[in-house]
Full PDB file with SEQRES, HELIX, SHEET, SSBOND, CRYST1, ORIGX, SCALE, CONECT and MASTER records, all heavy atoms in Angstrom:
SEQRES   1 A   37  GLY ASP TRP LEU THR GLU ALA GLY LEU GLU LEU THR VAL          
SEQRES   2 A   37  LEU ARG PRO HIS ALA GLY ASP GLU LEU PRO GLU THR LEU          
SEQRES   3 A   37  ASP ASP HIS LEU ALA LEU VAL VAL LEU GLY GLY                  
HELIX    1 AA1 ASP A    2  GLU A    6  1                                   5    
HELIX    2 AA2 PRO A   16  ALA A   18  5                                   3    
CRYST1    1.000    1.000    1.000  90.00  90.00  90.00 P 1           1          
ORIGX1      1.000000  0.000000  0.000000        0.00000                         
ORIGX2      0.000000  1.000000  0.000000        0.00000                         
ORIGX3      0.000000  0.000000  1.000000        0.00000                         
SCALE1      1.000000  0.000000  0.000000        0.00000                         
SCALE2      0.000000  1.000000  0.000000        0.00000                         
SCALE3      0.000000  0.000000  1.000000        0.00000                         
ATOM      1  N   GLY A   1     -35.146  75.485 -48.263  1.00  0.00           N  
ATOM      2  CA  GLY A   1     -36.428  74.984 -47.674  1.00  0.00           C  
ATOM      3  C   GLY A   1     -37.645  75.771 -48.256  1.00  0.00           C  
ATOM      4  O   GLY A   1     -38.636  75.106 -48.552  1.00  0.00           O  
ATOM      5  N   ASP A   2     -37.511  77.124 -48.374  1.00  0.00           N  
ATOM      6  CA  ASP A   2     -38.601  77.900 -48.832  1.00  0.00           C  
ATOM      7  C   ASP A   2     -38.901  77.533 -50.339  1.00  0.00           C  
ATOM      8  O   ASP A   2     -39.966  77.411 -50.774  1.00  0.00           O  
ATOM      9  CB  ASP A   2     -38.314  79.285 -48.797  1.00  0.00           C  
ATOM     10  CG  ASP A   2     -38.259  79.847 -47.297  1.00  0.00           C  
ATOM     11  OD1 ASP A   2     -38.831  79.120 -46.469  1.00  0.00           O  
ATOM     12  OD2 ASP A   2     -37.459  80.897 -47.073  1.00  0.00           O  
ATOM     13  N   TRP A   3     -37.741  77.353 -51.064  1.00  0.00           N  
ATOM     14  CA  TRP A   3     -37.957  76.965 -52.530  1.00  0.00           C  
ATOM     15  C   TRP A   3     -38.520  75.642 -52.676  1.00  0.00           C  
ATOM     16  O   TRP A   3     -39.376  75.576 -53.642  1.00  0.00           O  
ATOM     17  CB  TRP A   3     -36.514  77.043 -53.190  1.00  0.00           C  
ATOM     18  CG  TRP A   3     -35.789  78.418 -53.134  1.00  0.00           C  
ATOM     19  CD1 TRP A   3     -36.344  79.628 -52.878  1.00  0.00           C  
ATOM     20  CD2 TRP A   3     -34.481  78.580 -53.239  1.00  0.00           C  
ATOM     21  NE1 TRP A   3     -35.520  80.639 -52.863  1.00  0.00           N  
ATOM     22  CE2 TRP A   3     -34.240  80.128 -53.117  1.00  0.00           C  
ATOM     23  CE3 TRP A   3     -33.323  77.846 -53.467  1.00  0.00           C  
ATOM     24  CZ2 TRP A   3     -32.973  80.629 -53.108  1.00  0.00           C  
ATOM     25  CZ3 TRP A   3     -32.068  78.438 -53.531  1.00  0.00           C  
ATOM     26  CH2 TRP A   3     -31.867  79.841 -53.381  1.00  0.00           C  
ATOM     27  N   LEU A   4     -38.079  74.742 -51.948  1.00  0.00           N  
ATOM     28  CA  LEU A   4     -38.668  73.299 -52.033  1.00  0.00           C  
ATOM     29  C   LEU A   4     -40.175  73.251 -51.715  1.00  0.00           C  
ATOM     30  O   LEU A   4     -41.077  72.661 -52.400  1.00  0.00           O  
ATOM     31  CB  LEU A   4     -37.930  72.316 -51.356  1.00  0.00           C  
ATOM     32  CG  LEU A   4     -36.491  72.099 -51.666  1.00  0.00           C  
ATOM     33  CD1 LEU A   4     -35.790  71.208 -50.694  1.00  0.00           C  
ATOM     34  CD2 LEU A   4     -36.422  71.469 -53.014  1.00  0.00           C  
ATOM     35  N   THR A   5     -40.580  73.923 -50.614  1.00  0.00           N  
ATOM     36  CA  THR A   5     -41.949  73.861 -50.210  1.00  0.00           C  
ATOM     37  C   THR A   5     -42.811  74.764 -51.206  1.00  0.00           C  
ATOM     38  O   THR A   5     -44.017  74.358 -51.448  1.00  0.00           O  
ATOM     39  CB  THR A   5     -42.179  74.425 -48.750  1.00  0.00           C  
ATOM     40  OG1 THR A   5     -41.442  75.682 -48.620  1.00  0.00           O  
ATOM     41  CG2 THR A   5     -41.425  73.482 -47.819  1.00  0.00           C  
ATOM     42  N   GLU A   6     -42.285  75.772 -51.618  1.00  0.00           N  
ATOM     43  CA  GLU A   6     -42.975  76.567 -52.724  1.00  0.00           C  
ATOM     44  C   GLU A   6     -43.337  75.816 -53.894  1.00  0.00           C  
ATOM     45  O   GLU A   6     -44.325  76.050 -54.552  1.00  0.00           O  
ATOM     46  CB  GLU A   6     -42.203  77.894 -53.042  1.00  0.00           C  
ATOM     47  CG  GLU A   6     -42.175  79.001 -51.928  1.00  0.00           C  
ATOM     48  CD  GLU A   6     -41.255  80.091 -52.185  1.00  0.00           C  
ATOM     49  OE1 GLU A   6     -40.614  80.141 -53.235  1.00  0.00           O  
ATOM     50  OE2 GLU A   6     -41.043  80.948 -51.294  1.00  0.00           O  
ATOM     51  N   ALA A   7     -42.432  74.863 -54.229  1.00  0.00           N  
ATOM     52  CA  ALA A   7     -42.613  74.069 -55.370  1.00  0.00           C  
ATOM     53  C   ALA A   7     -43.504  72.895 -55.066  1.00  0.00           C  
ATOM     54  O   ALA A   7     -43.691  71.901 -55.870  1.00  0.00           O  
ATOM     55  CB  ALA A   7     -41.251  73.498 -55.872  1.00  0.00           C  
ATOM     56  N   GLY A   8     -44.031  72.811 -53.917  1.00  0.00           N  
ATOM     57  CA  GLY A   8     -44.994  71.730 -53.525  1.00  0.00           C  
ATOM     58  C   GLY A   8     -44.477  70.450 -52.771  1.00  0.00           C  
ATOM     59  O   GLY A   8     -45.134  69.474 -52.615  1.00  0.00           O  
ATOM     60  N   LEU A   9     -43.209  70.461 -52.379  1.00  0.00           N  
ATOM     61  CA  LEU A   9     -42.556  69.352 -51.716  1.00  0.00           C  
ATOM     62  C   LEU A   9     -42.699  69.565 -50.278  1.00  0.00           C  
ATOM     63  O   LEU A   9     -42.061  70.473 -49.699  1.00  0.00           O  
ATOM     64  CB  LEU A   9     -41.134  69.272 -52.145  1.00  0.00           C  
ATOM     65  CG  LEU A   9     -40.477  67.951 -51.810  1.00  0.00           C  
ATOM     66  CD1 LEU A   9     -41.159  66.790 -52.356  1.00  0.00           C  
ATOM     67  CD2 LEU A   9     -38.883  67.990 -52.295  1.00  0.00           C  
ATOM     68  N   GLU A  10     -43.374  68.619 -49.557  1.00  0.00           N  
ATOM     69  CA  GLU A  10     -43.387  68.678 -48.142  1.00  0.00           C  
ATOM     70  C   GLU A  10     -42.074  68.141 -47.631  1.00  0.00           C  
ATOM     71  O   GLU A  10     -41.514  67.110 -48.114  1.00  0.00           O  
ATOM     72  CB  GLU A  10     -44.668  67.864 -47.619  1.00  0.00           C  
ATOM     73  CG  GLU A  10     -46.027  68.299 -48.115  1.00  0.00           C  
ATOM     74  CD  GLU A  10     -46.453  69.677 -47.438  1.00  0.00           C  
ATOM     75  OE1 GLU A  10     -45.924  69.841 -46.275  1.00  0.00           O  
ATOM     76  OE2 GLU A  10     -47.033  70.417 -47.977  1.00  0.00           O  
ATOM     77  N   LEU A  11     -41.703  68.630 -46.330  1.00  0.00           N  
ATOM     78  CA  LEU A  11     -40.392  68.234 -45.822  1.00  0.00           C  
ATOM     79  C   LEU A  11     -40.492  67.666 -44.384  1.00  0.00           C  
ATOM     80  O   LEU A  11     -41.297  68.206 -43.658  1.00  0.00           O  
ATOM     81  CB  LEU A  11     -39.373  69.395 -45.834  1.00  0.00           C  
ATOM     82  CG  LEU A  11     -39.308  70.337 -47.106  1.00  0.00           C  
ATOM     83  CD1 LEU A  11     -38.536  71.575 -46.850  1.00  0.00           C  
ATOM     84  CD2 LEU A  11     -38.701  69.399 -48.198  1.00  0.00           C  
ATOM     85  N   THR A  12     -39.716  66.659 -44.197  1.00  0.00           N  
ATOM     86  CA  THR A  12     -39.575  66.143 -42.798  1.00  0.00           C  
ATOM     87  C   THR A  12     -38.090  66.378 -42.448  1.00  0.00           C  
ATOM     88  O   THR A  12     -37.181  65.810 -43.068  1.00  0.00           O  
ATOM     89  CB  THR A  12     -39.846  64.701 -42.774  1.00  0.00           C  
ATOM     90  OG1 THR A  12     -41.170  64.514 -43.035  1.00  0.00           O  
ATOM     91  CG2 THR A  12     -39.620  64.218 -41.242  1.00  0.00           C  
ATOM     92  N   VAL A  13     -37.731  67.225 -41.434  1.00  0.00           N  
ATOM     93  CA  VAL A  13     -36.475  67.526 -41.076  1.00  0.00           C  
ATOM     94  C   VAL A  13     -36.031  66.623 -39.838  1.00  0.00           C  
ATOM     95  O   VAL A  13     -36.724  66.667 -38.834  1.00  0.00           O  
ATOM     96  CB  VAL A  13     -36.233  68.937 -40.755  1.00  0.00           C  
ATOM     97  CG1 VAL A  13     -34.722  69.324 -40.415  1.00  0.00           C  
ATOM     98  CG2 VAL A  13     -36.654  69.890 -41.976  1.00  0.00           C  
ATOM     99  N   LEU A  14     -34.840  65.970 -39.995  1.00  0.00           N  
ATOM    100  CA  LEU A  14     -34.390  65.223 -38.832  1.00  0.00           C  
ATOM    101  C   LEU A  14     -33.038  65.844 -38.442  1.00  0.00           C  
ATOM    102  O   LEU A  14     -32.192  66.205 -39.358  1.00  0.00           O  
ATOM    103  CB  LEU A  14     -34.118  63.768 -39.223  1.00  0.00           C  
ATOM    104  CG  LEU A  14     -35.238  62.886 -39.378  1.00  0.00           C  
ATOM    105  CD1 LEU A  14     -34.956  61.432 -39.697  1.00  0.00           C  
ATOM    106  CD2 LEU A  14     -36.260  62.951 -38.198  1.00  0.00           C  
ATOM    107  N   ARG A  15     -32.823  65.972 -37.196  1.00  0.00           N  
ATOM    108  CA  ARG A  15     -31.478  66.564 -36.634  1.00  0.00           C  
ATOM    109  C   ARG A  15     -30.740  65.661 -35.865  1.00  0.00           C  
ATOM    110  O   ARG A  15     -30.880  65.589 -34.488  1.00  0.00           O  
ATOM    111  CB  ARG A  15     -31.956  67.843 -35.907  1.00  0.00           C  
ATOM    112  CG  ARG A  15     -32.603  68.879 -36.644  1.00  0.00           C  
ATOM    113  CD  ARG A  15     -33.176  70.187 -35.915  1.00  0.00           C  
ATOM    114  NE  ARG A  15     -33.665  71.160 -36.674  1.00  0.00           N  
ATOM    115  CZ  ARG A  15     -34.955  71.137 -37.093  1.00  0.00           C  
ATOM    116  NH1 ARG A  15     -35.794  70.228 -36.824  1.00  0.00           N  
ATOM    117  NH2 ARG A  15     -35.449  72.109 -37.930  1.00  0.00           N  
ATOM    118  N   PRO A  16     -29.944  64.810 -36.432  1.00  0.00           N  
ATOM    119  CA  PRO A  16     -29.186  63.851 -35.623  1.00  0.00           C  
ATOM    120  C   PRO A  16     -28.216  64.467 -34.606  1.00  0.00           C  
ATOM    121  O   PRO A  16     -27.895  63.883 -33.633  1.00  0.00           O  
ATOM    122  CB  PRO A  16     -28.459  63.068 -36.664  1.00  0.00           C  
ATOM    123  CG  PRO A  16     -28.473  63.790 -37.951  1.00  0.00           C  
ATOM    124  CD  PRO A  16     -29.680  64.622 -37.858  1.00  0.00           C  
ATOM    125  N   HIS A  17     -27.747  65.695 -34.968  1.00  0.00           N  
ATOM    126  CA  HIS A  17     -26.966  66.441 -34.026  1.00  0.00           C  
ATOM    127  C   HIS A  17     -27.591  66.677 -32.630  1.00  0.00           C  
ATOM    128  O   HIS A  17     -27.020  66.939 -31.564  1.00  0.00           O  
ATOM    129  CB  HIS A  17     -26.478  67.696 -34.563  1.00  0.00           C  
ATOM    130  CG  HIS A  17     -27.448  68.767 -34.860  1.00  0.00           C  
ATOM    131  ND1 HIS A  17     -28.074  69.588 -34.035  1.00  0.00           N  
ATOM    132  CD2 HIS A  17     -28.068  68.901 -36.099  1.00  0.00           C  
ATOM    133  CE1 HIS A  17     -28.927  70.297 -34.635  1.00  0.00           C  
ATOM    134  NE2 HIS A  17     -28.951  70.017 -35.882  1.00  0.00           N  
ATOM    135  N   ALA A  18     -29.042  66.608 -32.740  1.00  0.00           N  
ATOM    136  CA  ALA A  18     -29.872  66.869 -31.493  1.00  0.00           C  
ATOM    137  C   ALA A  18     -30.489  65.497 -31.021  1.00  0.00           C  
ATOM    138  O   ALA A  18     -31.268  65.731 -30.088  1.00  0.00           O  
ATOM    139  CB  ALA A  18     -30.891  67.874 -31.785  1.00  0.00           C  
ATOM    140  N   GLY A  19     -29.946  64.523 -31.530  1.00  0.00           N  
ATOM    141  CA  GLY A  19     -30.467  63.191 -31.090  1.00  0.00           C  
ATOM    142  C   GLY A  19     -31.531  62.490 -31.943  1.00  0.00           C  
ATOM    143  O   GLY A  19     -31.895  61.387 -31.521  1.00  0.00           O  
ATOM    144  N   ASP A  20     -31.885  63.047 -32.987  1.00  0.00           N  
ATOM    145  CA  ASP A  20     -32.915  62.391 -33.852  1.00  0.00           C  
ATOM    146  C   ASP A  20     -32.303  61.095 -34.421  1.00  0.00           C  
ATOM    147  O   ASP A  20     -31.110  61.153 -34.953  1.00  0.00           O  
ATOM    148  CB  ASP A  20     -33.441  63.322 -34.968  1.00  0.00           C  
ATOM    149  CG  ASP A  20     -34.216  64.436 -34.513  1.00  0.00           C  
ATOM    150  OD1 ASP A  20     -34.826  64.321 -33.381  1.00  0.00           O  
ATOM    151  OD2 ASP A  20     -34.459  65.345 -35.277  1.00  0.00           O  
ATOM    152  N   GLU A  21     -33.144  60.047 -34.573  1.00  0.00           N  
ATOM    153  CA  GLU A  21     -32.593  58.828 -35.122  1.00  0.00           C  
ATOM    154  C   GLU A  21     -32.838  58.851 -36.591  1.00  0.00           C  
ATOM    155  O   GLU A  21     -33.964  59.178 -37.131  1.00  0.00           O  
ATOM    156  CB  GLU A  21     -33.276  57.667 -34.481  1.00  0.00           C  
ATOM    157  CG  GLU A  21     -32.975  57.381 -32.970  1.00  0.00           C  
ATOM    158  CD  GLU A  21     -31.544  56.844 -32.801  1.00  0.00           C  
ATOM    159  OE1 GLU A  21     -30.985  56.219 -33.784  1.00  0.00           O  
ATOM    160  OE2 GLU A  21     -30.905  57.138 -31.769  1.00  0.00           O  
ATOM    161  N   LEU A  22     -31.927  58.261 -37.399  1.00  0.00           N  
ATOM    162  CA  LEU A  22     -32.124  58.166 -38.834  1.00  0.00           C  
ATOM    163  C   LEU A  22     -32.981  56.974 -39.108  1.00  0.00           C  
ATOM    164  O   LEU A  22     -32.771  55.916 -38.395  1.00  0.00           O  
ATOM    165  CB  LEU A  22     -30.802  57.929 -39.533  1.00  0.00           C  
ATOM    166  CG  LEU A  22     -29.812  59.302 -39.469  1.00  0.00           C  
ATOM    167  CD1 LEU A  22     -28.539  58.971 -40.253  1.00  0.00           C  
ATOM    168  CD2 LEU A  22     -30.496  60.546 -39.883  1.00  0.00           C  
ATOM    169  N   PRO A  23     -33.802  56.956 -40.235  1.00  0.00           N  
ATOM    170  CA  PRO A  23     -34.577  55.717 -40.507  1.00  0.00           C  
ATOM    171  C   PRO A  23     -33.677  54.684 -41.193  1.00  0.00           C  
ATOM    172  O   PRO A  23     -32.625  54.972 -41.637  1.00  0.00           O  
ATOM    173  CB  PRO A  23     -35.555  56.399 -41.455  1.00  0.00           C  
ATOM    174  CG  PRO A  23     -34.948  57.561 -42.154  1.00  0.00           C  
ATOM    175  CD  PRO A  23     -34.048  58.145 -40.967  1.00  0.00           C  
ATOM    176  N   GLU A  24     -34.165  53.459 -41.110  1.00  0.00           N  
ATOM    177  CA  GLU A  24     -33.513  52.461 -41.705  1.00  0.00           C  
ATOM    178  C   GLU A  24     -33.599  52.501 -43.264  1.00  0.00           C  
ATOM    179  O   GLU A  24     -32.675  52.103 -44.106  1.00  0.00           O  
ATOM    180  CB  GLU A  24     -34.082  51.066 -41.272  1.00  0.00           C  
ATOM    181  CG  GLU A  24     -33.652  50.830 -39.837  1.00  0.00           C  
ATOM    182  CD  GLU A  24     -32.247  50.426 -39.580  1.00  0.00           C  
ATOM    183  OE1 GLU A  24     -31.587  49.912 -40.566  1.00  0.00           O  
ATOM    184  OE2 GLU A  24     -31.749  50.706 -38.532  1.00  0.00           O  
ATOM    185  N   THR A  25     -34.706  52.938 -43.770  1.00  0.00           N  
ATOM    186  CA  THR A  25     -34.974  53.007 -45.225  1.00  0.00           C  
ATOM    187  C   THR A  25     -35.604  54.330 -45.592  1.00  0.00           C  
ATOM    188  O   THR A  25     -35.884  55.039 -44.681  1.00  0.00           O  
ATOM    189  CB  THR A  25     -35.923  51.940 -45.652  1.00  0.00           C  
ATOM    190  OG1 THR A  25     -37.294  52.179 -45.222  1.00  0.00           O  
ATOM    191  CG2 THR A  25     -35.507  50.537 -45.091  1.00  0.00           C  
ATOM    192  N   LEU A  26     -35.773  54.577 -46.784  1.00  0.00           N  
ATOM    193  CA  LEU A  26     -36.359  55.741 -47.384  1.00  0.00           C  
ATOM    194  C   LEU A  26     -37.779  55.388 -47.874  1.00  0.00           C  
ATOM    195  O   LEU A  26     -38.367  56.239 -48.798  1.00  0.00           O  
ATOM    196  CB  LEU A  26     -35.477  56.371 -48.378  1.00  0.00           C  
ATOM    197  CG  LEU A  26     -34.251  57.001 -47.893  1.00  0.00           C  
ATOM    198  CD1 LEU A  26     -33.277  57.305 -49.019  1.00  0.00           C  
ATOM    199  CD2 LEU A  26     -34.503  58.240 -47.066  1.00  0.00           C  
ATOM    200  N   ASP A  27     -38.405  54.353 -47.571  1.00  0.00           N  
ATOM    201  CA  ASP A  27     -39.613  53.820 -48.176  1.00  0.00           C  
ATOM    202  C   ASP A  27     -40.806  54.932 -47.977  1.00  0.00           C  
ATOM    203  O   ASP A  27     -41.605  54.975 -48.762  1.00  0.00           O  
ATOM    204  CB  ASP A  27     -40.008  52.631 -47.502  1.00  0.00           C  
ATOM    205  CG  ASP A  27     -39.146  51.408 -47.765  1.00  0.00           C  
ATOM    206  OD1 ASP A  27     -38.294  51.522 -48.834  1.00  0.00           O  
ATOM    207  OD2 ASP A  27     -39.152  50.372 -47.134  1.00  0.00           O  
ATOM    208  N   ASP A  28     -40.747  55.680 -46.943  1.00  0.00           N  
ATOM    209  CA  ASP A  28     -41.782  56.666 -46.646  1.00  0.00           C  
ATOM    210  C   ASP A  28     -41.537  58.028 -47.138  1.00  0.00           C  
ATOM    211  O   ASP A  28     -42.128  58.945 -46.837  1.00  0.00           O  
ATOM    212  CB  ASP A  28     -42.145  56.727 -45.096  1.00  0.00           C  
ATOM    213  CG  ASP A  28     -42.536  55.401 -44.647  1.00  0.00           C  
ATOM    214  OD1 ASP A  28     -43.336  54.705 -45.312  1.00  0.00           O  
ATOM    215  OD2 ASP A  28     -42.244  55.107 -43.516  1.00  0.00           O  
ATOM    216  N   HIS A  29     -40.462  58.196 -48.058  1.00  0.00           N  
ATOM    217  CA  HIS A  29     -40.069  59.528 -48.447  1.00  0.00           C  
ATOM    218  C   HIS A  29     -39.924  59.580 -49.960  1.00  0.00           C  
ATOM    219  O   HIS A  29     -39.498  58.679 -50.552  1.00  0.00           O  
ATOM    220  CB  HIS A  29     -38.698  59.828 -47.795  1.00  0.00           C  
ATOM    221  CG  HIS A  29     -38.845  59.912 -46.212  1.00  0.00           C  
ATOM    222  ND1 HIS A  29     -39.456  60.944 -45.572  1.00  0.00           N  
ATOM    223  CD2 HIS A  29     -38.395  59.060 -45.244  1.00  0.00           C  
ATOM    224  CE1 HIS A  29     -39.464  60.617 -44.285  1.00  0.00           C  
ATOM    225  NE2 HIS A  29     -38.808  59.543 -44.132  1.00  0.00           N  
ATOM    226  N   LEU A  30     -40.183  60.707 -50.487  1.00  0.00           N  
ATOM    227  CA  LEU A  30     -40.057  61.055 -51.907  1.00  0.00           C  
ATOM    228  C   LEU A  30     -38.686  61.463 -52.370  1.00  0.00           C  
ATOM    229  O   LEU A  30     -38.322  61.238 -53.497  1.00  0.00           O  
ATOM    230  CB  LEU A  30     -41.024  62.142 -52.369  1.00  0.00           C  
ATOM    231  CG  LEU A  30     -42.526  61.882 -52.075  1.00  0.00           C  
ATOM    232  CD1 LEU A  30     -43.298  63.123 -52.452  1.00  0.00           C  
ATOM    233  CD2 LEU A  30     -43.037  60.789 -53.114  1.00  0.00           C  
ATOM    234  N   ALA A  31     -37.813  61.896 -51.425  1.00  0.00           N  
ATOM    235  CA  ALA A  31     -36.484  62.387 -51.744  1.00  0.00           C  
ATOM    236  C   ALA A  31     -35.675  62.485 -50.473  1.00  0.00           C  
ATOM    237  O   ALA A  31     -36.256  62.422 -49.409  1.00  0.00           O  
ATOM    238  CB  ALA A  31     -36.571  63.865 -52.389  1.00  0.00           C  
ATOM    239  N   LEU A  32     -34.456  62.744 -50.674  1.00  0.00           N  
ATOM    240  CA  LEU A  32     -33.419  62.843 -49.513  1.00  0.00           C  
ATOM    241  C   LEU A  32     -32.574  64.100 -49.830  1.00  0.00           C  
ATOM    242  O   LEU A  32     -32.041  64.308 -50.926  1.00  0.00           O  
ATOM    243  CB  LEU A  32     -32.532  61.658 -49.496  1.00  0.00           C  
ATOM    244  CG  LEU A  32     -31.424  61.708 -48.391  1.00  0.00           C  
ATOM    245  CD1 LEU A  32     -31.959  61.741 -46.973  1.00  0.00           C  
ATOM    246  CD2 LEU A  32     -30.535  60.459 -48.551  1.00  0.00           C  
ATOM    247  N   VAL A  33     -32.572  64.891 -48.803  1.00  0.00           N  
ATOM    248  CA  VAL A  33     -31.649  66.067 -48.873  1.00  0.00           C  
ATOM    249  C   VAL A  33     -30.784  66.122 -47.660  1.00  0.00           C  
ATOM    250  O   VAL A  33     -31.247  66.058 -46.508  1.00  0.00           O  
ATOM    251  CB  VAL A  33     -32.428  67.475 -48.850  1.00  0.00           C  
ATOM    252  CG1 VAL A  33     -31.525  68.804 -48.966  1.00  0.00           C  
ATOM    253  CG2 VAL A  33     -33.406  67.576 -50.056  1.00  0.00           C  
ATOM    254  N   VAL A  34     -29.325  66.129 -47.920  1.00  0.00           N  
ATOM    255  CA  VAL A  34     -28.412  66.085 -46.837  1.00  0.00           C  
ATOM    256  C   VAL A  34     -27.618  67.519 -46.819  1.00  0.00           C  
ATOM    257  O   VAL A  34     -27.064  67.784 -47.778  1.00  0.00           O  
ATOM    258  CB  VAL A  34     -27.467  64.906 -47.012  1.00  0.00           C  
ATOM    259  CG1 VAL A  34     -26.460  64.949 -45.775  1.00  0.00           C  
ATOM    260  CG2 VAL A  34     -28.199  63.569 -47.078  1.00  0.00           C  
ATOM    261  N   LEU A  35     -27.766  68.188 -45.687  1.00  0.00           N  
ATOM    262  CA  LEU A  35     -27.242  69.487 -45.664  1.00  0.00           C  
ATOM    263  C   LEU A  35     -25.683  69.521 -45.142  1.00  0.00           C  
ATOM    264  O   LEU A  35     -25.186  68.393 -44.907  1.00  0.00           O  
ATOM    265  CB  LEU A  35     -28.054  70.311 -44.656  1.00  0.00           C  
ATOM    266  CG  LEU A  35     -29.485  70.628 -45.093  1.00  0.00           C  
ATOM    267  CD1 LEU A  35     -30.246  71.337 -43.993  1.00  0.00           C  
ATOM    268  CD2 LEU A  35     -29.488  71.375 -46.412  1.00  0.00           C  
ATOM    269  N   GLY A  36     -25.142  70.617 -45.023  1.00  0.00           N  
ATOM    270  CA  GLY A  36     -23.813  70.794 -44.669  1.00  0.00           C  
ATOM    271  C   GLY A  36     -23.498  70.828 -43.185  1.00  0.00           C  
ATOM    272  O   GLY A  36     -24.390  70.486 -42.332  1.00  0.00           O  
ATOM    273  N   GLY A  37     -22.228  71.152 -42.840  1.00  0.00           N  
ATOM    274  CA  GLY A  37     -21.853  71.174 -41.454  1.00  0.00           C  
ATOM    275  C   GLY A  37     -20.409  71.366 -41.257  1.00  0.00           C  
ATOM    276  O   GLY A  37     -19.715  71.288 -42.263  1.00  0.00           O  
TER     277      GLY A  37                                                      
MASTER        0    0    0    2    0    0    0    6  276    1    0    3          
END                                                                             
């Protein structure tokens, strides 16, 4: 996260494990990052 933001990319973090809903599309986003678990 630090490296991406230092490179100028703003981030929106969703936590579906905590109840956040996933969007239907990626129309409002420049990129997608999916982490581990």
